[in-house]
Every structure is written in C-alpha cells, then in structure tokens.
Amino acid sequence: MQRAKILIIDDDPVCTGLLLAMLGDDYQVTTANSGRGGIEILNLSLPDLIFLDITMPEVNGYQVLKFLQSDSSLANIPVVVISGLVESSDRDFALKLGANDYVNKPIMPDVIQKIVDHYL
C-alpha cells in the first residue's frame, strides 16, 4: 500500500524537524523551507496533506494559500496552517483563504496526530 504524501512548507528548521520526526516513519514527507520552494514542489507532485507556515520571506503562507485556490488540481488538498501568529484575525484570514485548520506553534504531537488522522 502506498503511503500518504505530506508536504511541509515552513522556514523554521525546528518545526520542520519535529514534524518529520513525528510523521516520517508512517508517511512520505517532503519539505520546503520557503513558500516559493513549496510551490515548486506542488508543480511536480500532489500531496495528500499540506502543513503550511504563514510567516516566511518572499512568498508567505497567505500567498501559497491563494496559489492553491487558484489551481483546480490543488484547491482540494487539505491545508493545515501551523503558525506563531496567535491573533484570531490571522486565523480567520487563513481560513478565509482556504486553509482547513489552524494550529499555533509550538506544535504538540498529539494535536498533529489527530489532524493527520482526520484528513488522511
């Protein structure tokens, strides 16, 4: 059976490392350390789930969400924002742009596992 594909788009190596440690044994995990890098990966391969940071240089998470919604082949991929932005307006804006869920950093393994179980 083929493992589900997860794409992590985050410029924080600690967060990316934690997610890889939590998910890497059970899922096919690909990482991008920038929004631009994430978009490049999305042009080559379609993941089953995306974890997305908001605050990144050049192309931020909001711009990635807009890109995903603009392409019908990408618009239905579940996106979970993982961000240090804690204001409700940040959460509301991400959800308005198409995110399926919003989790604040620091990430908790049990929360991540529940999210993965829900979307996959």
Protein backbone atom coordinates (compact mmCIF):
# COMPACT_ATOMS: atom_id res chain seq x y z
CA MET A 1 0.00 0.00 0.00
CA GLN A 2 1.30 3.44 -0.91
CA ARG A 3 1.98 5.81 1.96
CA ALA A 4 0.09 9.11 2.03
CA LYS A 5 2.14 12.13 0.94
CA ILE A 6 2.56 15.10 3.27
CA LEU A 7 4.20 18.38 2.27
CA ILE A 8 5.62 20.63 4.98
CA ILE A 9 6.22 24.24 3.93
CA ASP A 10 8.00 26.03 6.78
CA ASP A 11 11.20 28.04 7.09
CA ASP A 12 11.64 27.04 10.76
CA PRO A 13 14.01 24.05 10.85
CA VAL A 14 12.93 23.14 14.40
CA CYS A 15 9.25 22.89 13.44
CA THR A 16 10.08 21.02 10.25
CA GLY A 17 12.35 18.64 12.15
CA LEU A 18 9.66 17.91 14.74
CA LEU A 19 7.06 17.20 12.06
CA LEU A 20 9.50 14.95 10.20
CA ALA A 21 10.26 13.05 13.40
CA MET A 22 6.55 12.62 14.12
CA LEU A 23 5.41 11.68 10.62
CA GLY A 24 8.40 10.43 8.63
CA ASP A 25 8.07 6.75 9.55
CA ASP A 26 4.42 6.47 8.53
CA TYR A 27 4.06 8.92 5.65
CA GLN A 28 6.00 10.06 2.61
CA VAL A 29 7.07 13.51 3.83
CA THR A 30 8.54 16.22 1.63
CA THR A 31 9.72 19.57 2.98
CA ALA A 32 10.22 23.04 1.56
CA ASN A 33 11.85 25.81 3.57
CA SER A 34 10.07 28.60 1.69
CA GLY A 35 6.75 29.39 0.09
CA ARG A 36 8.42 29.55 -3.31
CA GLY A 37 10.01 26.13 -2.74
CA GLY A 38 6.64 24.73 -1.71
CA ILE A 39 5.03 26.00 -4.91
CA GLU A 40 7.84 24.42 -6.96
CA ILE A 41 7.19 21.07 -5.27
CA LEU A 42 3.43 21.42 -5.86
CA ASN A 43 4.12 21.88 -9.56
CA LEU A 44 5.85 18.46 -9.59
CA SER A 45 3.89 16.35 -7.12
CA LEU A 46 0.49 16.46 -5.43
CA PRO A 47 0.50 15.76 -1.68
CA ASP A 48 -2.45 14.39 0.27
CA LEU A 49 -1.97 16.96 3.07
CA ILE A 50 -0.03 20.21 3.48
CA PHE A 51 1.32 21.74 6.67
CA LEU A 52 1.97 25.43 5.98
CA ASP A 53 3.65 28.21 7.93
CA ILE A 54 2.45 31.77 7.37
CA THR A 55 5.48 33.90 8.21
CA MET A 56 8.12 33.22 5.57
CA PRO A 57 10.25 35.58 3.48
CA GLU A 58 9.43 36.40 -0.16
CA VAL A 59 6.37 34.15 -0.62
CA ASN A 60 4.41 33.85 2.63
CA GLY A 61 1.80 31.29 3.60
CA TYR A 62 -1.12 33.52 2.63
CA GLN A 63 0.31 33.75 -0.89
CA VAL A 64 0.71 29.96 -1.01
CA LEU A 65 -2.94 29.58 0.03
CA LYS A 66 -4.00 31.92 -2.78
CA PHE A 67 -1.89 29.92 -5.25
CA LEU A 68 -3.51 26.66 -4.10
CA GLN A 69 -7.02 28.07 -4.50
CA SER A 70 -6.23 29.41 -7.97
CA ASP A 71 -5.48 25.93 -9.34
CA SER A 72 -8.34 23.42 -9.52
CA SER A 73 -5.93 20.47 -9.22
CA LEU A 74 -4.62 21.85 -5.91
CA ALA A 75 -7.66 23.55 -4.39
CA ASN A 76 -8.99 20.42 -2.65
CA ILE A 77 -5.77 19.40 -0.91
CA PRO A 78 -6.28 19.84 2.86
CA VAL A 79 -4.04 22.58 4.26
CA VAL A 80 -3.24 22.93 7.94
CA VAL A 81 -1.58 26.19 8.90
CA ILE A 82 0.98 25.90 11.69
CA SER A 83 1.91 29.40 12.77
CA GLY A 84 3.31 31.50 15.56
CA LEU A 85 0.70 34.15 14.72
CA VAL A 86 -1.85 33.91 17.53
CA GLU A 87 -4.34 36.67 16.69
CA SER A 88 -7.81 35.48 15.72
CA SER A 89 -7.64 37.77 12.68
CA ASP A 90 -4.63 35.78 11.38
CA ARG A 91 -6.53 32.51 11.86
CA ASP A 92 -9.69 33.91 10.26
CA PHE A 93 -7.77 35.23 7.25
CA ALA A 94 -6.01 31.89 6.68
CA LEU A 95 -9.32 30.03 6.86
CA LYS A 96 -10.92 32.56 4.50
CA LEU A 97 -8.11 31.92 2.00
CA GLY A 98 -8.81 28.19 2.05
CA ALA A 99 -6.92 26.66 4.98
CA ASN A 100 -8.78 23.74 6.54
CA ASP A 101 -7.30 24.13 10.01
CA TYR A 102 -5.03 26.44 12.01
CA VAL A 103 -2.67 25.33 14.77
CA ASN A 104 -0.49 27.60 16.85
CA LYS A 105 3.19 26.94 17.48
CA PRO A 106 4.68 25.33 19.44
CA ILE A 107 3.25 22.16 17.94
CA MET A 108 2.05 19.32 20.12
CA PRO A 109 2.48 15.74 18.84
CA ASP A 110 -0.99 14.60 19.92
CA VAL A 111 -2.62 17.53 18.10
CA ILE A 112 -0.65 16.82 14.93
CA GLN A 113 -1.58 13.13 15.03
CA LYS A 114 -5.28 13.95 15.44
CA ILE A 115 -5.09 16.32 12.48
CA VAL A 116 -3.34 13.75 10.28
CA ASP A 117 -5.85 11.06 11.30
CA HIS A 118 -8.71 13.42 10.46
CA TYR A 119 -7.50 14.45 6.99
CA LEU A 120 -5.91 11.17 5.90
